[in-house]
Amino acid sequence: MTAYMYFSLIPEALIVSMLPPEQFGQYYATGHKYKSKGQAIFFEVDPAFRNEFF
């Protein structure tokens, strides 16, 4: 199973998901009900990223 990590700006959250970016974006913007719509701003986080400040 591949796990993807996303940083969401609206609302602020760190999310781990099994969905790749395209599918995650669609689900995150519409939810499980396709009639609802909302803003979704998120970035995929590289799980191998390391920095002394984090």
PDB file of N, CA and C in Angstrom:
ATOM      1  N   MET A   1       0.850  -1.179   0.000  1.00  0.00           N
ATOM      2  CA  MET A   1       0.000   0.000   0.000  1.00  0.00           C
ATOM      3  C   MET A   1       0.894   1.239   0.000  1.00  0.00           C
ATOM      4  N   THR A   2       0.619   2.136  -0.911  1.00  0.00           N
ATOM      5  CA  THR A   2       1.351   3.399  -0.987  1.00  0.00           C
ATOM      6  C   THR A   2       0.626   4.449  -0.156  1.00  0.00           C
ATOM      7  N   ALA A   3       1.370   5.144   0.681  1.00  0.00           N
ATOM      8  CA  ALA A   3       0.801   6.217   1.495  1.00  0.00           C
ATOM      9  C   ALA A   3       1.344   7.544   0.983  1.00  0.00           C
ATOM     10  N   TYR A   4       0.446   8.502   0.811  1.00  0.00           N
ATOM     11  CA  TYR A   4       0.810   9.847   0.367  1.00  0.00           C
ATOM     12  C   TYR A   4       0.583  10.797   1.530  1.00  0.00           C
ATOM     13  N   MET A   5       1.441  11.793   1.657  1.00  0.00           N
ATOM     14  CA  MET A   5       1.310  12.778   2.718  1.00  0.00           C
ATOM     15  C   MET A   5       1.017  14.134   2.083  1.00  0.00           C
ATOM     16  N   TYR A   6       0.001  14.807   2.613  1.00  0.00           N
ATOM     17  CA  TYR A   6      -0.414  16.109   2.082  1.00  0.00           C
ATOM     18  C   TYR A   6      -0.470  17.135   3.200  1.00  0.00           C
ATOM     19  N   PHE A   7      -0.104  18.362   2.872  1.00  0.00           N
ATOM     20  CA  PHE A   7      -0.261  19.486   3.786  1.00  0.00           C
ATOM     21  C   PHE A   7      -1.371  20.353   3.230  1.00  0.00           C
ATOM     22  N   SER A   8      -2.436  20.491   3.974  1.00  0.00           N
ATOM     23  CA  SER A   8      -3.597  21.258   3.550  1.00  0.00           C
ATOM     24  C   SER A   8      -3.543  22.661   4.140  1.00  0.00           C
ATOM     25  N   LEU A   9      -3.893  23.657   3.332  1.00  0.00           N
ATOM     26  CA  LEU A   9      -3.935  25.040   3.813  1.00  0.00           C
ATOM     27  C   LEU A   9      -5.335  25.469   4.213  1.00  0.00           C
ATOM     28  N   ILE A  10      -6.365  24.874   3.611  1.00  0.00           N
ATOM     29  CA  ILE A  10      -7.761  25.217   3.936  1.00  0.00           C
ATOM     30  C   ILE A  10      -8.494  23.920   4.221  1.00  0.00           C
ATOM     31  N   PRO A  11      -8.760  23.507   5.419  1.00  0.00           N
ATOM     32  CA  PRO A  11      -8.203  23.998   6.676  1.00  0.00           C
ATOM     33  C   PRO A  11      -6.780  23.484   6.853  1.00  0.00           C
ATOM     34  N   GLU A  12      -6.047  24.040   7.795  1.00  0.00           N
ATOM     35  CA  GLU A  12      -4.669  23.629   8.031  1.00  0.00           C
ATOM     36  C   GLU A  12      -4.650  22.233   8.643  1.00  0.00           C
ATOM     37  N   ALA A  13      -3.955  21.321   7.950  1.00  0.00           N
ATOM     38  CA  ALA A  13      -3.886  19.942   8.440  1.00  0.00           C
ATOM     39  C   ALA A  13      -2.780  19.198   7.712  1.00  0.00           C
ATOM     40  N   LEU A  14      -2.250  18.183   8.354  1.00  0.00           N
ATOM     41  CA  LEU A  14      -1.319  17.254   7.738  1.00  0.00           C
ATOM     42  C   LEU A  14      -2.086  15.953   7.578  1.00  0.00           C
ATOM     43  N   ILE A  15      -2.204  15.462   6.344  1.00  0.00           N
ATOM     44  CA  ILE A  15      -3.080  14.337   6.035  1.00  0.00           C
ATOM     45  C   ILE A  15      -2.276  13.226   5.378  1.00  0.00           C
ATOM     46  N   VAL A  16      -2.486  11.993   5.820  1.00  0.00           N
ATOM     47  CA  VAL A  16      -1.916  10.818   5.173  1.00  0.00           C
ATOM     48  C   VAL A  16      -3.076  10.090   4.501  1.00  0.00           C
ATOM     49  N   SER A  17      -2.892   9.767   3.215  1.00  0.00           N
ATOM     50  CA  SER A  17      -3.964   9.167   2.438  1.00  0.00           C
ATOM     51  C   SER A  17      -3.422   8.078   1.529  1.00  0.00           C
ATOM     52  N   MET A  18      -4.287   7.163   1.127  1.00  0.00           N
ATOM     53  CA  MET A  18      -3.933   6.138   0.146  1.00  0.00           C
ATOM     54  C   MET A  18      -4.192   6.636  -1.281  1.00  0.00           C
ATOM     55  N   LEU A  19      -4.827   7.800  -1.417  1.00  0.00           N
ATOM     56  CA  LEU A  19      -5.184   8.318  -2.739  1.00  0.00           C
ATOM     57  C   LEU A  19      -4.041   9.117  -3.348  1.00  0.00           C
ATOM     58  N   PRO A  20      -3.754   8.906  -4.650  1.00  0.00           N
ATOM     59  CA  PRO A  20      -2.759   9.729  -5.330  1.00  0.00           C
ATOM     60  C   PRO A  20      -3.278  11.166  -5.465  1.00  0.00           C
ATOM     61  N   PRO A  21      -2.410  12.134  -5.796  1.00  0.00           N
ATOM     62  CA  PRO A  21      -2.795  13.550  -5.787  1.00  0.00           C
ATOM     63  C   PRO A  21      -4.076  13.899  -6.562  1.00  0.00           C
ATOM     64  N   GLU A  22      -4.264  13.367  -7.767  1.00  0.00           N
ATOM     65  CA  GLU A  22      -5.450  13.726  -8.551  1.00  0.00           C
ATOM     66  C   GLU A  22      -6.734  13.256  -7.876  1.00  0.00           C
ATOM     67  N   GLN A  23      -6.750  12.028  -7.401  1.00  0.00           N
ATOM     68  CA  GLN A  23      -7.938  11.496  -6.737  1.00  0.00           C
ATOM     69  C   GLN A  23      -8.152  12.144  -5.378  1.00  0.00           C
ATOM     70  N   PHE A  24      -7.069  12.414  -4.649  1.00  0.00           N
ATOM     71  CA  PHE A  24      -7.192  13.071  -3.355  1.00  0.00           C
ATOM     72  C   PHE A  24      -7.787  14.470  -3.520  1.00  0.00           C
ATOM     73  N   GLY A  25      -7.308  15.214  -4.511  1.00  0.00           N
ATOM     74  CA  GLY A  25      -7.829  16.562  -4.749  1.00  0.00           C
ATOM     75  C   GLY A  25      -9.307  16.561  -5.042  1.00  0.00           C
ATOM     76  N   GLN A  26      -9.750  15.613  -5.853  1.00  0.00           N
ATOM     77  CA  GLN A  26     -11.180  15.548  -6.176  1.00  0.00           C
ATOM     78  C   GLN A  26     -11.991  15.194  -4.926  1.00  0.00           C
ATOM     79  N   TYR A  27     -11.539  14.204  -4.180  1.00  0.00           N
ATOM     80  CA  TYR A  27     -12.259  13.809  -2.967  1.00  0.00           C
ATOM     81  C   TYR A  27     -12.237  14.930  -1.925  1.00  0.00           C
ATOM     82  N   TYR A  28     -11.087  15.584  -1.771  1.00  0.00           N
ATOM     83  CA  TYR A  28     -10.947  16.618  -0.748  1.00  0.00           C
ATOM     84  C   TYR A  28     -11.814  17.838  -1.058  1.00  0.00           C
ATOM     85  N   ALA A  29     -11.964  18.153  -2.340  1.00  0.00           N
ATOM     86  CA  ALA A  29     -12.771  19.321  -2.730  1.00  0.00           C
ATOM     87  C   ALA A  29     -14.265  19.031  -2.681  1.00  0.00           C
ATOM     88  N   THR A  30     -14.667  17.794  -2.972  1.00  0.00           N
ATOM     89  CA  THR A  30     -16.093  17.494  -3.045  1.00  0.00           C
ATOM     90  C   THR A  30     -16.597  16.619  -1.910  1.00  0.00           C
ATOM     91  N   GLY A  31     -15.703  15.902  -1.241  1.00  0.00           N
ATOM     92  CA  GLY A  31     -16.126  14.995  -0.179  1.00  0.00           C
ATOM     93  C   GLY A  31     -16.791  13.762  -0.758  1.00  0.00           C
ATOM     94  N   HIS A  32     -17.494  13.020   0.066  1.00  0.00           N
ATOM     95  CA  HIS A  32     -18.151  11.819  -0.419  1.00  0.00           C
ATOM     96  C   HIS A  32     -19.465  12.133  -1.116  1.00  0.00           C
ATOM     97  N   LYS A  33     -19.953  13.369  -0.993  1.00  0.00           N
ATOM     98  CA  LYS A  33     -21.158  13.798  -1.707  1.00  0.00           C
ATOM     99  C   LYS A  33     -20.724  14.727  -2.827  1.00  0.00           C
ATOM    100  N   TYR A  34     -20.932  14.334  -4.054  1.00  0.00           N
ATOM    101  CA  TYR A  34     -20.460  15.116  -5.190  1.00  0.00           C
ATOM    102  C   TYR A  34     -21.257  16.397  -5.409  1.00  0.00           C
ATOM    103  N   LYS A  35     -22.330  16.616  -4.651  1.00  0.00           N
ATOM    104  CA  LYS A  35     -23.102  17.841  -4.795  1.00  0.00           C
ATOM    105  C   LYS A  35     -22.483  18.995  -4.020  1.00  0.00           C
ATOM    106  N   SER A  36     -21.656  18.684  -3.031  1.00  0.00           N
ATOM    107  CA  SER A  36     -21.020  19.752  -2.256  1.00  0.00           C
ATOM    108  C   SER A  36     -19.702  20.140  -2.910  1.00  0.00           C
ATOM    109  N   LYS A  37     -19.388  21.405  -2.859  1.00  0.00           N
ATOM    110  CA  LYS A  37     -18.141  21.916  -3.435  1.00  0.00           C
ATOM    111  C   LYS A  37     -17.501  22.854  -2.432  1.00  0.00           C
ATOM    112  N   GLY A  38     -16.180  22.930  -2.471  1.00  0.00           N
ATOM    113  CA  GLY A  38     -15.472  23.823  -1.575  1.00  0.00           C
ATOM    114  C   GLY A  38     -14.054  24.024  -2.049  1.00  0.00           C
ATOM    115  N   GLN A  39     -13.378  24.989  -1.452  1.00  0.00           N
ATOM    116  CA  GLN A  39     -11.995  25.237  -1.806  1.00  0.00           C
ATOM    117  C   GLN A  39     -11.098  24.188  -1.175  1.00  0.00           C
ATOM    118  N   ALA A  40     -10.053  23.827  -1.902  1.00  0.00           N
ATOM    119  CA  ALA A  40      -9.073  22.876  -1.378  1.00  0.00           C
ATOM    120  C   ALA A  40      -7.709  23.293  -1.887  1.00  0.00           C
ATOM    121  N   ILE A  41      -6.838  23.656  -0.974  1.00  0.00           N
ATOM    122  CA  ILE A  41      -5.461  23.991  -1.329  1.00  0.00           C
ATOM    123  C   ILE A  41      -4.571  23.057  -0.526  1.00  0.00           C
ATOM    124  N   PHE A  42      -3.802  22.245  -1.245  1.00  0.00           N
ATOM    125  CA  PHE A  42      -2.942  21.309  -0.557  1.00  0.00           C
ATOM    126  C   PHE A  42      -1.680  21.062  -1.364  1.00  0.00           C
ATOM    127  N   PHE A  43      -0.652  20.582  -0.686  1.00  0.00           N
ATOM    128  CA  PHE A  43       0.631  20.250  -1.301  1.00  0.00           C
ATOM    129  C   PHE A  43       0.987  18.828  -0.915  1.00  0.00           C
ATOM    130  N   GLU A  44       1.556  18.082  -1.857  1.00  0.00           N
ATOM    131  CA  GLU A  44       2.050  16.757  -1.530  1.00  0.00           C
ATOM    132  C   GLU A  44       3.412  16.917  -0.857  1.00  0.00           C
ATOM    133  N   VAL A  45       3.620  16.225   0.252  1.00  0.00           N
ATOM    134  CA  VAL A  45       4.861  16.298   1.012  1.00  0.00           C
ATOM    135  C   VAL A  45       5.701  15.067   0.691  1.00  0.00           C
ATOM    136  N   ASP A  46       6.970  15.277   0.382  1.00  0.00           N
ATOM    137  CA  ASP A  46       7.881  14.169   0.124  1.00  0.00           C
ATOM    138  C   ASP A  46       8.200  13.488   1.452  1.00  0.00           C
ATOM    139  N   PRO A  47       7.857  12.200   1.619  1.00  0.00           N
ATOM    140  CA  PRO A  47       8.105  11.535   2.901  1.00  0.00           C
ATOM    141  C   PRO A  47       9.595  11.398   3.232  1.00  0.00           C
ATOM    142  N   ALA A  48      10.462  11.547   2.254  1.00  0.00           N
ATOM    143  CA  ALA A  48      11.904  11.452   2.505  1.00  0.00           C
ATOM    144  C   ALA A  48      12.513  12.805   2.876  1.00  0.00           C
ATOM    145  N   PHE A  49      11.724  13.869   2.898  1.00  0.00           N
ATOM    146  CA  PHE A  49      12.221  15.206   3.223  1.00  0.00           C
ATOM    147  C   PHE A  49      12.718  15.266   4.661  1.00  0.00           C
ATOM    148  N   ARG A  50      13.919  15.761   4.823  1.00  0.00           N
ATOM    149  CA  ARG A  50      14.495  15.938   6.157  1.00  0.00           C
ATOM    150  C   ARG A  50      15.163  17.314   6.213  1.00  0.00           C
ATOM    151  N   ASN A  51      15.003  17.998   7.339  1.00  0.00           N
ATOM    152  CA  ASN A  51      15.599  19.301   7.534  1.00  0.00           C
ATOM    153  C   ASN A  51      15.829  19.497   9.022  1.00  0.00           C
ATOM    154  N   GLU A  52      16.900  20.149   9.385  1.00  0.00           N
ATOM    155  CA  GLU A  52      17.213  20.336  10.804  1.00  0.00           C
ATOM    156  C   GLU A  52      16.191  21.211  11.526  1.00  0.00           C
ATOM    157  N   PHE A  53      15.401  22.003  10.803  1.00  0.00           N
ATOM    158  CA  PHE A  53      14.419  22.876  11.426  1.00  0.00           C
ATOM    159  C   PHE A  53      13.085  22.178  11.710  1.00  0.00           C
ATOM    160  N   PHE A  54      12.901  20.957  11.186  1.00  0.00           N
ATOM    161  CA  PHE A  54      11.658  20.222  11.388  1.00  0.00           C
ATOM    162  C   PHE A  54      11.911  18.955  12.157  1.00  0.00           C
TER     163      PHE A  54
END
